[in-house]
Amino acid sequence: MRVLNWLNCIVSAGFVVSWIFLSCFPGFAISGVVSLESIKIYKTHELFRTEPTVFFRCKGENGTELPDVKEINVSYTFNGEESWQPLTQLASKKCKRCGFYEEDNLKPDDVFDEWEFCPKYFWDSDGKYRRIKVEEFDATFLCLQCASLAADANASSGTHDSGKGRHLAVIIVISTLASTVLIVGLLAAYKYWLKKKREQEQARFLKLFEDEDDIEDELGFGTDI
């Protein structure tokens, strides 16, 4: 029973080690937080509204209103710490359908622009992406984590293959480490079991001689000196 408990602990430790190493390699599930660094709108779509309500939204997500953007032809800059930031999050290399809109109370919201928002657009090393829609807006986005995603997306197919090879190598290393921990634990448990078995056999052997001496004493076969 004690040996089984040891084995259960060792197996659990192996899974824990694997989880820790996987946690140390976030590249397997890379995602990037996108914030708005600056924006300038060139027009409003409402004839009788001087202060438009501008917001950003990706398909399937809630919209993010830009409360400071109220005038046309004015450049607004942000530090990424505003209460309404970040705008969205890009996971892996998958794109999202996103856009800038102007709220309309009487009909569907007016569209400044809609486009496929992809990590590969953050190709620059500083993780910035600029989107310009003629006569509509000029915006710059920031995503530091997306820079590495963009580098992978813009690389050649050979680079992709080498990247996959590195990921595979990391997986092999993690599996090897977890297996090593498991094997070492099993060997330790086996040695412990052998040691206990020898101790039990020695105890039974000594007890057998003690029982024989007791029987001889009872039958009077003992040697008197």
Foldseek 3Di string as FASTA:
>chain_A
DVLVVLLVVLLVVLVVLLVVLVVVCCVVKFKWFKAWFKKAFADDPDPPAQFWWKWKDWPPDDIQTDVVRGHHPDMDGDDQPDPRDDGDMGIQFAWIWMAMWTDDPPDPTHGLDIDTHTLLQLQDQQQKHWDDDPNTMTTMMHINSSNVSNVLVPDDVVVVVVVVVVVVVSVVVSVVVSVVSSVVSNVVSVVVVVVVVVVVVVVVVVVVVVVVVVVCVVVVVDDDD
